[in-house]
C-alpha atoms as a PDB file:
ATOM      1  CA  MET A   1       0.000   0.000   0.000  1.00  0.00           C
ATOM      2  CA  SER A   2       2.793   2.424   0.887  1.00  0.00           C
ATOM      3  CA  ALA A   3       4.562   1.643  -2.404  1.00  0.00           C
ATOM      4  CA  ALA A   4       1.393   2.501  -4.347  1.00  0.00           C
ATOM      5  CA  MET A   5       1.007   5.732  -2.393  1.00  0.00           C
ATOM      6  CA  ASP A   6       4.681   6.645  -2.989  1.00  0.00           C
ATOM      7  CA  SER A   7       4.252   6.021  -6.710  1.00  0.00           C
ATOM      8  CA  GLY A   8       1.130   8.190  -6.789  1.00  0.00           C
ATOM      9  CA  SER A   9       2.920  11.006  -4.917  1.00  0.00           C
ATOM     10  CA  LYS A  10       5.863  10.908  -7.327  1.00  0.00           C
ATOM     11  CA  ASN A  11       3.517  11.004 -10.315  1.00  0.00           C
ATOM     12  CA  SER A  12       1.765  14.032  -8.813  1.00  0.00           C
ATOM     13  CA  ILE A  13       5.082  15.851  -8.396  1.00  0.00           C
ATOM     14  CA  PHE A  14       6.140  15.033 -11.961  1.00  0.00           C
ATOM     15  CA  ALA A  15       2.739  16.127 -13.307  1.00  0.00           C
ATOM     16  CA  ILE A  16       3.013  19.498 -11.514  1.00  0.00           C
ATOM     17  CA  ARG A  17       6.487  20.059 -12.983  1.00  0.00           C
ATOM     18  CA  VAL A  18       5.259  19.197 -16.470  1.00  0.00           C
ATOM     19  CA  ALA A  19       2.319  21.598 -16.033  1.00  0.00           C
ATOM     20  CA  ALA A  20       4.773  24.365 -15.106  1.00  0.00           C
ATOM     21  CA  ILE A  21       6.793  23.680 -18.271  1.00  0.00           C
ATOM     22  CA  SER A  22       3.516  23.797 -20.247  1.00  0.00           C
ATOM     23  CA  ILE A  23       3.005  27.407 -19.144  1.00  0.00           C
ATOM     24  CA  ALA A  24       6.431  28.420 -20.484  1.00  0.00           C
ATOM     25  CA  ILE A  25       5.903  26.579 -23.777  1.00  0.00           C
ATOM     26  CA  ALA A  26       2.431  28.111 -24.197  1.00  0.00           C
ATOM     27  CA  LEU A  27       3.920  31.597 -23.759  1.00  0.00           C
ATOM     28  CA  VAL A  28       6.618  30.927 -26.382  1.00  0.00           C
ATOM     29  CA  VAL A  29       4.033  29.591 -28.852  1.00  0.00           C
ATOM     30  CA  LEU A  30       1.759  32.570 -28.181  1.00  0.00           C
ATOM     31  CA  GLY A  31       4.630  34.965 -28.908  1.00  0.00           C
ATOM     32  CA  LEU A  32       5.423  33.270 -32.221  1.00  0.00           C
ATOM     33  CA  LYS A  33       1.793  33.229 -33.347  1.00  0.00           C
ATOM     34  CA  TYR A  34       1.254  36.834 -32.274  1.00  0.00           C
ATOM     35  CA  PHE A  35       4.184  38.045 -34.390  1.00  0.00           C
ATOM     36  CA  ALA A  36       2.950  35.901 -37.290  1.00  0.00           C
ATOM     37  CA  TRP A  37      -0.341  37.799 -37.131  1.00  0.00           C
ATOM     38  CA  VAL A  38       1.406  41.199 -36.791  1.00  0.00           C
ATOM     39  CA  LEU A  39       3.509  40.477 -39.873  1.00  0.00           C
ATOM     40  CA  THR A  40       0.605  39.343 -42.071  1.00  0.00           C
ATOM     41  CA  GLY A  41      -2.572  40.944 -40.729  1.00  0.00           C
ATOM     42  CA  SER A  42      -4.259  37.563 -41.335  1.00  0.00           C
ATOM     43  CA  VAL A  43      -7.474  37.066 -39.387  1.00  0.00           C
ATOM     44  CA  ALA A  44      -6.918  33.296 -39.577  1.00  0.00           C
ATOM     45  CA  LEU A  45      -3.517  33.685 -37.918  1.00  0.00           C
ATOM     46  CA  LEU A  46      -5.151  36.020 -35.392  1.00  0.00           C
ATOM     47  CA  SER A  47      -7.640  33.243 -34.612  1.00  0.00           C
ATOM     48  CA  ASP A  48      -4.720  30.883 -34.046  1.00  0.00           C
ATOM     49  CA  ALA A  49      -3.089  33.416 -31.722  1.00  0.00           C
ATOM     50  CA  LEU A  50      -6.332  33.870 -29.776  1.00  0.00           C
ATOM     51  CA  GLU A  51      -6.515  30.134 -29.202  1.00  0.00           C
ATOM     52  CA  SER A  52      -2.923  30.250 -27.929  1.00  0.00           C
ATOM     53  CA  ILE A  53      -3.988  32.797 -25.311  1.00  0.00           C
ATOM     54  CA  ILE A  54      -6.486  30.186 -24.158  1.00  0.00           C
ATOM     55  CA  ASN A  55      -3.636  27.655 -24.077  1.00  0.00           C
ATOM     56  CA  VAL A  56      -1.702  29.872 -21.658  1.00  0.00           C
ATOM     57  CA  VAL A  57      -4.699  30.331 -19.365  1.00  0.00           C
ATOM     58  CA  ALA A  58      -5.526  26.624 -19.549  1.00  0.00           C
ATOM     59  CA  ALA A  59      -1.941  25.693 -18.642  1.00  0.00           C
ATOM     60  CA  LEU A  60      -2.162  27.987 -15.609  1.00  0.00           C
ATOM     61  CA  PHE A  61      -5.426  26.361 -14.510  1.00  0.00           C
ATOM     62  CA  ALA A  62      -3.927  22.881 -14.995  1.00  0.00           C
ATOM     63  CA  PHE A  63      -0.898  23.843 -12.874  1.00  0.00           C
ATOM     64  CA  VAL A  64      -3.084  25.112 -10.032  1.00  0.00           C
ATOM     65  CA  ALA A  65      -5.488  22.152 -10.292  1.00  0.00           C
ATOM     66  CA  LEU A  66      -2.658  19.618 -10.100  1.00  0.00           C
ATOM     67  CA  GLN A  67      -1.280  21.320  -7.002  1.00  0.00           C
ATOM     68  CA  VAL A  68      -4.695  21.173  -5.338  1.00  0.00           C
ATOM     69  CA  ALA A  69      -5.284  17.569  -6.460  1.00  0.00           C
ATOM     70  CA  SER A  70      -1.971  16.465  -4.936  1.00  0.00           C
ATOM     71  CA  ARG A  71      -3.019  17.537  -1.441  1.00  0.00           C
ATOM     72  CA  PRO A  72      -3.742  14.664   0.952  1.00  0.00           C
ATOM     73  CA  ALA A  73      -7.186  14.046   2.422  1.00  0.00           C
ATOM     74  CA  ASP A  74      -8.132  16.301   5.320  1.00  0.00           C
ATOM     75  CA  GLU A  75     -11.045  16.824   7.699  1.00  0.00           C
ATOM     76  CA  ASN A  76     -13.082  18.811   5.178  1.00  0.00           C
ATOM     77  CA  HIS A  77     -12.144  16.609   2.213  1.00  0.00           C
ATOM     78  CA  PRO A  78     -11.865  13.049   3.570  1.00  0.00           C
ATOM     79  CA  PHE A  79     -11.794  11.565   0.057  1.00  0.00           C
ATOM     80  CA  GLY A  80      -8.947  13.803  -1.070  1.00  0.00           C
ATOM     81  CA  HIS A  81      -8.781  16.593  -3.652  1.00  0.00           C
ATOM     82  CA  SER A  82      -8.429  14.557  -6.868  1.00  0.00           C
ATOM     83  CA  LYS A  83     -11.483  16.064  -8.554  1.00  0.00           C
ATOM     84  CA  ALA A  84      -9.741  19.434  -8.805  1.00  0.00           C
ATOM     85  CA  GLU A  85      -8.358  18.187 -12.138  1.00  0.00           C
ATOM     86  CA  TYR A  86     -11.863  17.857 -13.552  1.00  0.00           C
ATOM     87  CA  PHE A  87     -12.587  21.492 -12.744  1.00  0.00           C
ATOM     88  CA  SER A  88      -9.455  22.438 -14.671  1.00  0.00           C
ATOM     89  CA  ALA A  89     -10.626  20.475 -17.717  1.00  0.00           C
ATOM     90  CA  VAL A  90     -14.141  21.990 -17.548  1.00  0.00           C
ATOM     91  CA  ILE A  91     -12.713  25.513 -17.327  1.00  0.00           C
ATOM     92  CA  GLU A  92     -10.413  24.762 -20.262  1.00  0.00           C
ATOM     93  CA  GLY A  93     -13.405  23.599 -22.308  1.00  0.00           C
ATOM     94  CA  VAL A  94     -15.333  26.782 -21.486  1.00  0.00           C
ATOM     95  CA  LEU A  95     -12.326  28.918 -22.443  1.00  0.00           C
ATOM     96  CA  ILE A  96     -12.054  27.100 -25.774  1.00  0.00           C
ATOM     97  CA  VAL A  97     -15.697  27.898 -26.510  1.00  0.00           C
ATOM     98  CA  LEU A  98     -15.073  31.542 -25.589  1.00  0.00           C
ATOM     99  CA  ALA A  99     -12.082  31.654 -27.948  1.00  0.00           C
ATOM    100  CA  ALA A 100     -14.225  30.278 -30.777  1.00  0.00           C
ATOM    101  CA  VAL A 101     -16.841  33.005 -30.221  1.00  0.00           C
ATOM    102  CA  LEU A 102     -14.135  35.706 -30.307  1.00  0.00           C
ATOM    103  CA  ILE A 103     -12.681  34.273 -33.524  1.00  0.00           C
ATOM    104  CA  ILE A 104     -16.085  34.253 -35.270  1.00  0.00           C
ATOM    105  CA  ARG A 105     -16.730  37.808 -34.103  1.00  0.00           C
ATOM    106  CA  GLU A 106     -13.419  38.924 -35.625  1.00  0.00           C
ATOM    107  CA  ALA A 107     -13.684  36.935 -38.871  1.00  0.00           C
ATOM    108  CA  TYR A 108     -17.337  37.331 -39.865  1.00  0.00           C
ATOM    109  CA  PRO A 109     -17.161  41.045 -40.920  1.00  0.00           C
ATOM    110  CA  LYS A 110     -14.108  40.311 -43.085  1.00  0.00           C
ATOM    111  CA  LEU A 111     -16.026  37.790 -45.171  1.00  0.00           C
ATOM    112  CA  ALA A 112     -17.709  40.781 -46.824  1.00  0.00           C
ATOM    113  CA  ASN A 113     -14.566  42.947 -46.804  1.00  0.00           C
ATOM    114  CA  PRO A 114     -11.492  40.679 -47.029  1.00  0.00           C
ATOM    115  CA  VAL A 115      -8.075  42.277 -46.528  1.00  0.00           C
ATOM    116  CA  ALA A 116      -4.948  41.466 -48.559  1.00  0.00           C
ATOM    117  CA  LEU A 117      -2.144  39.774 -46.595  1.00  0.00           C
ATOM    118  CA  GLU A 118       1.324  41.227 -45.930  1.00  0.00           C
ATOM    119  CA  LEU A 119       4.587  39.237 -45.629  1.00  0.00           C
ATOM    120  CA  PRO A 120       2.721  35.908 -45.728  1.00  0.00           C
ATOM    121  CA  VAL A 121       5.807  33.670 -46.096  1.00  0.00           C
ATOM    122  CA  LEU A 122       7.601  34.905 -42.952  1.00  0.00           C
ATOM    123  CA  GLY A 123       4.361  34.862 -40.976  1.00  0.00           C
ATOM    124  CA  LEU A 124       3.576  31.306 -42.093  1.00  0.00           C
ATOM    125  CA  LEU A 125       7.082  30.143 -41.151  1.00  0.00           C
ATOM    126  CA  MET A 126       6.716  31.559 -37.640  1.00  0.00           C
ATOM    127  CA  ASN A 127       3.293  29.992 -37.254  1.00  0.00           C
ATOM    128  CA  GLY A 128       4.620  26.669 -38.558  1.00  0.00           C
ATOM    129  CA  LEU A 129       7.424  26.686 -35.974  1.00  0.00           C
ATOM    130  CA  ALA A 130       4.905  27.369 -33.208  1.00  0.00           C
ATOM    131  CA  SER A 131       2.726  24.503 -34.448  1.00  0.00           C
ATOM    132  CA  ALA A 132       5.682  22.091 -34.504  1.00  0.00           C
ATOM    133  CA  ILE A 133       6.505  22.951 -30.876  1.00  0.00           C
ATOM    134  CA  ASN A 134       2.853  22.415 -29.931  1.00  0.00           C
ATOM    135  CA  ALA A 135       2.731  19.051 -31.730  1.00  0.00           C
ATOM    136  CA  VAL A 136       5.747  17.634 -29.888  1.00  0.00           C
ATOM    137  CA  TRP A 137       4.514  18.856 -26.515  1.00  0.00           C
ATOM    138  CA  ALA A 138       0.926  17.667 -27.140  1.00  0.00           C
ATOM    139  CA  VAL A 139       2.120  14.094 -27.821  1.00  0.00           C
ATOM    140  CA  PHE A 140       4.203  14.185 -24.637  1.00  0.00           C
ATOM    141  CA  LEU A 141       1.305  15.511 -22.511  1.00  0.00           C
ATOM    142  CA  ILE A 142      -1.182  12.949 -23.824  1.00  0.00           C
ATOM    143  CA  HIS A 143       1.269  10.103 -23.177  1.00  0.00           C
ATOM    144  CA  ARG A 144       2.205  11.304 -19.679  1.00  0.00           C
ATOM    145  CA  GLY A 145      -1.412  12.052 -18.832  1.00  0.00           C
ATOM    146  CA  ARG A 146      -2.333   8.470 -19.709  1.00  0.00           C
ATOM    147  CA  VAL A 147       0.597   6.967 -17.779  1.00  0.00           C
ATOM    148  CA  TRP A 148       0.068   9.162 -14.691  1.00  0.00           C
ATOM    149  CA  ARG A 149      -3.733   9.077 -15.052  1.00  0.00           C
ATOM    150  CA  SER A 150      -3.849  12.877 -14.940  1.00  0.00           C
ATOM    151  CA  ILE A 151      -7.079  14.358 -16.330  1.00  0.00           C
ATOM    152  CA  ALA A 152      -5.580  17.864 -16.407  1.00  0.00           C
ATOM    153  CA  LEU A 153      -2.498  16.873 -18.444  1.00  0.00           C
ATOM    154  CA  SER A 154      -4.537  14.715 -20.835  1.00  0.00           C
ATOM    155  CA  ALA A 155      -7.022  17.540 -21.412  1.00  0.00           C
ATOM    156  CA  ASP A 156      -4.199  20.017 -22.016  1.00  0.00           C
ATOM    157  CA  GLY A 157      -2.515  17.629 -24.453  1.00  0.00           C
ATOM    158  CA  LYS A 158      -5.718  16.929 -26.400  1.00  0.00           C
ATOM    159  CA  HIS A 159      -6.454  20.644 -26.578  1.00  0.00           C
ATOM    160  CA  LEU A 160      -2.957  21.335 -27.923  1.00  0.00           C
ATOM    161  CA  MET A 161      -3.340  18.562 -30.512  1.00  0.00           C
ATOM    162  CA  THR A 162      -6.571  20.191 -31.682  1.00  0.00           C
ATOM    163  CA  ASP A 163      -4.650  23.460 -31.873  1.00  0.00           C
ATOM    164  CA  VAL A 164      -2.025  21.748 -34.048  1.00  0.00           C
ATOM    165  CA  LEU A 165      -4.629  20.378 -36.453  1.00  0.00           C
ATOM    166  CA  THR A 166      -6.388  23.728 -36.751  1.00  0.00           C
ATOM    167  CA  SER A 167      -3.018  25.453 -37.236  1.00  0.00           C
ATOM    168  CA  ILE A 168      -2.299  23.136 -40.169  1.00  0.00           C
ATOM    169  CA  GLY A 169      -5.645  24.160 -41.650  1.00  0.00           C
ATOM    170  CA  VAL A 170      -4.806  27.831 -41.059  1.00  0.00           C
ATOM    171  CA  LEU A 171      -1.410  27.456 -42.748  1.00  0.00           C
ATOM    172  CA  LEU A 172      -3.010  25.830 -45.786  1.00  0.00           C
ATOM    173  CA  GLY A 173      -5.787  28.423 -45.963  1.00  0.00           C
ATOM    174  CA  VAL A 174      -3.523  31.449 -45.579  1.00  0.00           C
ATOM    175  CA  GLY A 175      -1.023  29.946 -48.018  1.00  0.00           C
ATOM    176  CA  LEU A 176      -3.751  29.483 -50.621  1.00  0.00           C
ATOM    177  CA  ALA A 177      -5.017  33.005 -49.989  1.00  0.00           C
ATOM    178  CA  ALA A 178      -1.508  34.372 -50.574  1.00  0.00           C
ATOM    179  CA  VAL A 179      -0.909  32.313 -53.746  1.00  0.00           C
ATOM    180  CA  THR A 180      -4.335  32.724 -55.346  1.00  0.00           C
ATOM    181  CA  HIS A 181      -4.970  36.266 -54.013  1.00  0.00           C
ATOM    182  CA  TRP A 182      -8.397  35.107 -52.873  1.00  0.00           C
ATOM    183  CA  ALA A 183      -8.377  37.120 -49.667  1.00  0.00           C
ATOM    184  CA  ILE A 184     -11.747  35.689 -48.613  1.00  0.00           C
ATOM    185  CA  LEU A 185     -10.040  32.358 -47.888  1.00  0.00           C
ATOM    186  CA  ASP A 186      -8.420  33.974 -44.842  1.00  0.00           C
ATOM    187  CA  PRO A 187     -11.608  34.823 -42.834  1.00  0.00           C
ATOM    188  CA  ALA A 188     -13.302  31.654 -44.134  1.00  0.00           C
ATOM    189  CA  MET A 189     -10.483  29.548 -42.669  1.00  0.00           C
ATOM    190  CA  ALA A 190     -10.723  31.493 -39.397  1.00  0.00           C
ATOM    191  CA  ILE A 191     -14.406  30.567 -39.067  1.00  0.00           C
ATOM    192  CA  PHE A 192     -13.577  26.940 -39.856  1.00  0.00           C
ATOM    193  CA  VAL A 193     -10.990  27.003 -37.053  1.00  0.00           C
ATOM    194  CA  ALA A 194     -13.595  28.451 -34.689  1.00  0.00           C
ATOM    195  CA  LEU A 195     -16.107  25.698 -35.447  1.00  0.00           C
ATOM    196  CA  ASN A 196     -13.437  23.033 -35.001  1.00  0.00           C
ATOM    197  CA  ILE A 197     -12.326  24.261 -31.585  1.00  0.00           C
ATOM    198  CA  LEU A 198     -15.969  24.584 -30.521  1.00  0.00           C
ATOM    199  CA  TRP A 199     -16.258  20.840 -31.036  1.00  0.00           C
ATOM    200  CA  SER A 200     -13.028  20.299 -29.103  1.00  0.00           C
ATOM    201  CA  GLY A 201     -14.281  22.419 -26.202  1.00  0.00           C
ATOM    202  CA  TRP A 202     -17.546  20.505 -26.038  1.00  0.00           C
ATOM    203  CA  GLY A 203     -15.655  17.200 -25.899  1.00  0.00           C
ATOM    204  CA  LEU A 204     -13.527  18.387 -22.974  1.00  0.00           C
ATOM    205  CA  ILE A 205     -16.538  19.645 -21.034  1.00  0.00           C
ATOM    206  CA  ARG A 206     -18.516  16.438 -21.612  1.00  0.00           C
ATOM    207  CA  GLY A 207     -15.650  14.168 -20.499  1.00  0.00           C
ATOM    208  CA  SER A 208     -14.962  16.217 -17.381  1.00  0.00           C
ATOM    209  CA  VAL A 209     -18.609  16.353 -16.362  1.00  0.00           C
ATOM    210  CA  ASP A 210     -18.629  12.541 -16.460  1.00  0.00           C
ATOM    211  CA  GLY A 211     -15.843  12.593 -13.883  1.00  0.00           C
ATOM    212  CA  LEU A 212     -17.611  15.130 -11.695  1.00  0.00           C
ATOM    213  CA  MET A 213     -20.741  12.954 -11.874  1.00  0.00           C
ATOM    214  CA  ASP A 214     -18.801   9.922 -10.562  1.00  0.00           C
ATOM    215  CA  ALA A 215     -18.832   7.914 -13.780  1.00  0.00           C
ATOM    216  CA  ALA A 216     -17.804   4.267 -13.360  1.00  0.00           C
ATOM    217  CA  ALA A 217     -14.399   2.906 -14.327  1.00  0.00           C
ATOM    218  CA  SER A 218     -14.040   1.396 -17.793  1.00  0.00           C
ATOM    219  CA  PRO A 219     -15.513  -2.099 -18.384  1.00  0.00           C
ATOM    220  CA  GLU A 220     -11.947  -3.399 -18.797  1.00  0.00           C
ATOM    221  CA  MET A 221     -10.948  -2.003 -15.401  1.00  0.00           C
ATOM    222  CA  VAL A 222     -14.061  -3.430 -13.711  1.00  0.00           C
ATOM    223  CA  ALA A 223     -13.352  -6.873 -15.221  1.00  0.00           C
ATOM    224  CA  ARG A 224      -9.784  -6.654 -13.958  1.00  0.00           C
ATOM    225  CA  VAL A 225     -10.972  -5.782 -10.444  1.00  0.00           C
ATOM    226  CA  ARG A 226     -13.451  -8.664 -10.389  1.00  0.00           C
ATOM    227  CA  ARG A 227     -10.743 -11.110 -11.510  1.00  0.00           C
ATOM    228  CA  LEU A 228      -8.346  -9.938  -8.797  1.00  0.00           C
ATOM    229  CA  VAL A 229     -11.021 -10.303  -6.116  1.00  0.00           C
ATOM    230  CA  SER A 230     -11.886 -13.799  -7.325  1.00  0.00           C
ATOM    231  CA  VAL A 231      -8.238 -14.905  -7.150  1.00  0.00           C
ATOM    232  CA  HIS A 232      -7.262 -13.285  -3.839  1.00  0.00           C
ATOM    233  CA  ALA A 233     -10.403 -13.790  -1.741  1.00  0.00           C
ATOM    234  CA  THR A 234      -9.594 -17.388  -0.771  1.00  0.00           C
ATOM    235  CA  GLY A 235     -11.727 -18.402   2.221  1.00  0.00           C
ATOM    236  CA  ALA A 236     -14.689 -16.218   1.243  1.00  0.00           C
ATOM    237  CA  LEU A 237     -17.708 -17.443  -0.713  1.00  0.00           C
ATOM    238  CA  GLU A 238     -18.563 -14.704  -3.179  1.00  0.00           C
ATOM    239  CA  ALA A 239     -18.348 -10.979  -3.905  1.00  0.00           C
ATOM    240  CA  HIS A 240     -21.188  -8.926  -5.330  1.00  0.00           C
ATOM    241  CA  ASP A 241     -22.588  -5.390  -5.774  1.00  0.00           C
ATOM    242  CA  PHE A 242     -19.370  -3.992  -7.258  1.00  0.00           C
ATOM    243  CA  ARG A 243     -19.245  -0.219  -7.620  1.00  0.00           C
ATOM    244  CA  THR A 244     -16.424   1.920  -9.010  1.00  0.00           C
ATOM    245  CA  ARG A 245     -15.901   5.600  -9.658  1.00  0.00           C
ATOM    246  CA  HIS A 246     -13.092   7.823 -10.890  1.00  0.00           C
ATOM    247  CA  ALA A 247     -11.764  10.947  -9.173  1.00  0.00           C
ATOM    248  CA  GLY A 248      -8.713  12.108 -11.086  1.00  0.00           C
ATOM    249  CA  ARG A 249      -5.932   9.567 -10.525  1.00  0.00           C
ATOM    250  CA  THR A 250      -7.936   7.849  -7.766  1.00  0.00           C
ATOM    251  CA  ILE A 251     -10.269   4.892  -8.401  1.00  0.00           C
ATOM    252  CA  PHE A 252     -12.747   4.074  -5.645  1.00  0.00           C
ATOM    253  CA  ILE A 253     -13.731   0.394  -5.510  1.00  0.00           C
ATOM    254  CA  GLU A 254     -16.567  -0.911  -3.326  1.00  0.00           C
ATOM    255  CA  PHE A 255     -18.187  -4.339  -3.051  1.00  0.00           C
ATOM    256  CA  HIS A 256     -19.794  -6.814  -0.625  1.00  0.00           C
ATOM    257  CA  LEU A 257     -17.823  -9.890   0.408  1.00  0.00           C
ATOM    258  CA  VAL A 258     -19.750 -12.951   1.635  1.00  0.00           C
ATOM    259  CA  VAL A 259     -17.905 -15.197   4.155  1.00  0.00           C
ATOM    260  CA  PRO A 260     -18.923 -18.437   5.962  1.00  0.00           C
ATOM    261  CA  ASP A 261     -21.078 -17.927   9.053  1.00  0.00           C
ATOM    262  CA  ALA A 262     -18.489 -19.584  11.312  1.00  0.00           C
ATOM    263  CA  MET A 263     -15.625 -17.359  10.174  1.00  0.00           C
ATOM    264  CA  THR A 264     -14.224 -15.012  12.835  1.00  0.00           C
ATOM    265  CA  VAL A 265     -13.866 -11.250  12.432  1.00  0.00           C
ATOM    266  CA  LEU A 266     -10.078 -11.651  12.444  1.00  0.00           C
ATOM    267  CA  GLU A 267     -10.142 -14.222   9.623  1.00  0.00           C
ATOM    268  CA  SER A 268     -12.460 -12.125   7.445  1.00  0.00           C
ATOM    269  CA  HIS A 269     -10.308  -9.068   8.135  1.00  0.00           C
ATOM    270  CA  LYS A 270      -7.232 -10.918   6.873  1.00  0.00           C
ATOM    271  CA  ILE A 271      -9.061 -11.775   3.639  1.00  0.00           C
ATOM    272  CA  CYS A 272     -10.029  -8.134   3.183  1.00  0.00           C
ATOM    273  CA  ASP A 273      -6.432  -7.023   3.761  1.00  0.00           C
ATOM    274  CA  ARG A 274      -5.225  -9.508   1.173  1.00  0.00           C
ATOM    275  CA  ILE A 275      -7.734  -8.291  -1.395  1.00  0.00           C
ATOM    276  CA  GLU A 276      -6.933  -4.620  -0.735  1.00  0.00           C
ATOM    277  CA  GLU A 277      -3.202  -5.232  -1.093  1.00  0.00           C
ATOM    278  CA  ALA A 278      -3.690  -7.075  -4.396  1.00  0.00           C
ATOM    279  CA  LEU A 279      -5.941  -4.337  -5.807  1.00  0.00           C
ATOM    280  CA  GLN A 280      -3.619  -1.527  -4.730  1.00  0.00           C
ATOM    281  CA  ASP A 281      -0.632  -3.329  -6.238  1.00  0.00           C
ATOM    282  CA  GLU A 282      -2.380  -3.838  -9.580  1.00  0.00           C
ATOM    283  CA  VAL A 283      -4.591  -0.727  -9.803  1.00  0.00           C
ATOM    284  CA  GLU A 284      -2.672   2.470  -9.114  1.00  0.00           C
ATOM    285  CA  GLY A 285      -4.562   4.917  -6.901  1.00  0.00           C
ATOM    286  CA  ALA A 286      -7.142   2.341  -5.793  1.00  0.00           C
ATOM    287  CA  ILE A 287      -9.071   3.054  -2.588  1.00  0.00           C
ATOM    288  CA  VAL A 288     -10.985  -0.074  -1.569  1.00  0.00           C
ATOM    289  CA  THR A 289     -14.040  -0.410   0.674  1.00  0.00           C
ATOM    290  CA  ILE A 290     -15.298  -3.927   1.482  1.00  0.00           C
ATOM    291  CA  HIS A 291     -18.552  -4.709   3.296  1.00  0.00           C
ATOM    292  CA  VAL A 292     -18.382  -8.180   4.883  1.00  0.00           C
ATOM    293  CA  GLU A 293     -21.611 -10.218   5.001  1.00  0.00           C
ATOM    294  CA  PRO A 294     -22.618 -13.669   6.383  1.00  0.00           C
ATOM    295  CA  ALA A 295     -23.374 -16.638   4.128  1.00  0.00           C
ATOM    296  CA  GLU A 296     -27.124 -16.020   4.305  1.00  0.00           C
ATOM    297  CA  SER A 297     -26.562 -12.790   2.347  1.00  0.00           C
ATOM    298  CA  ALA A 298     -25.156 -14.662  -0.645  1.00  0.00           C
ATOM    299  CA  GLN A 299     -26.879 -13.693  -3.893  1.00  0.00           C
ATOM    300  CA  HIS A 300     -25.264 -16.463  -5.973  1.00  0.00           C
ATOM    301  CA  LYS A 301     -24.192 -13.875  -8.525  1.00  0.00           C
ATOM    302  CA  GLY A 302     -21.309 -11.509  -8.993  1.00  0.00           C
ATOM    303  CA  VAL A 303     -17.894 -13.093  -8.394  1.00  0.00           C
ATOM    304  CA  LEU A 304     -17.447 -16.597  -7.028  1.00  0.00           C
ATOM    305  CA  VAL A 305     -14.176 -17.020  -5.153  1.00  0.00           C
ATOM    306  CA  LEU A 306     -11.728 -19.363  -6.858  1.00  0.00           C
END
């Protein structure tokens, strides 16, 4: 149990450090995209820069949320602070939606009155460099978020990857506008970017709300838990009424364990300890609650002990 807790604490520390680096990278990318817009006057590049402002704010929220989530349980929060990461992801989703609205507001009038671009090649090169930095960091965040089971890092990485894809669209659109001299392609691409990040923001909000609403663990995780209980509950009769829920990196696991009527409290307690140790070794961040019942409570369903 202590080893699992030590691993979780280390992951929290690493995640906080990565979130701090994300802030610095977001600021560098914002600077590059801002100067790309200044050089060209492109509303599509402006839309990309506006989304980068959201990236900076989102990285700040993720950093704060991870610090809060790493705090141990206390009297007012006996189940810990893990759900702080979900709030970060929800806020990031809302900010993405806000960015999309601002982009549409800026681009829509220029559909009727498009403006010719200035210095498009240099601006596109700067924007392309910013997008390459975002792509590398997004892949890293998504991978680390999955390994460390960090909702905040995963959300930040997925948002950045969406930013990369929209930036590629912006580069193509602005490039075509510069080559063909069809200036209307610039605001049209900006609106396309806005619609795309609206979809991204909705996805982040929906996934985070599931966490705040105590959605169950994945079917694969539940099957894994049931198998571990079946193998390590020797001496018991069955386990039933399994319930799981996610809270950031923590997975809460609850179930009823049926034992023989003649079994002592000490013997049943040893079985419970064995099950808890097995679950915490195999499922990082697991917090297990077991309700012991006599044989007459057997439902002859759920998990039969091997």
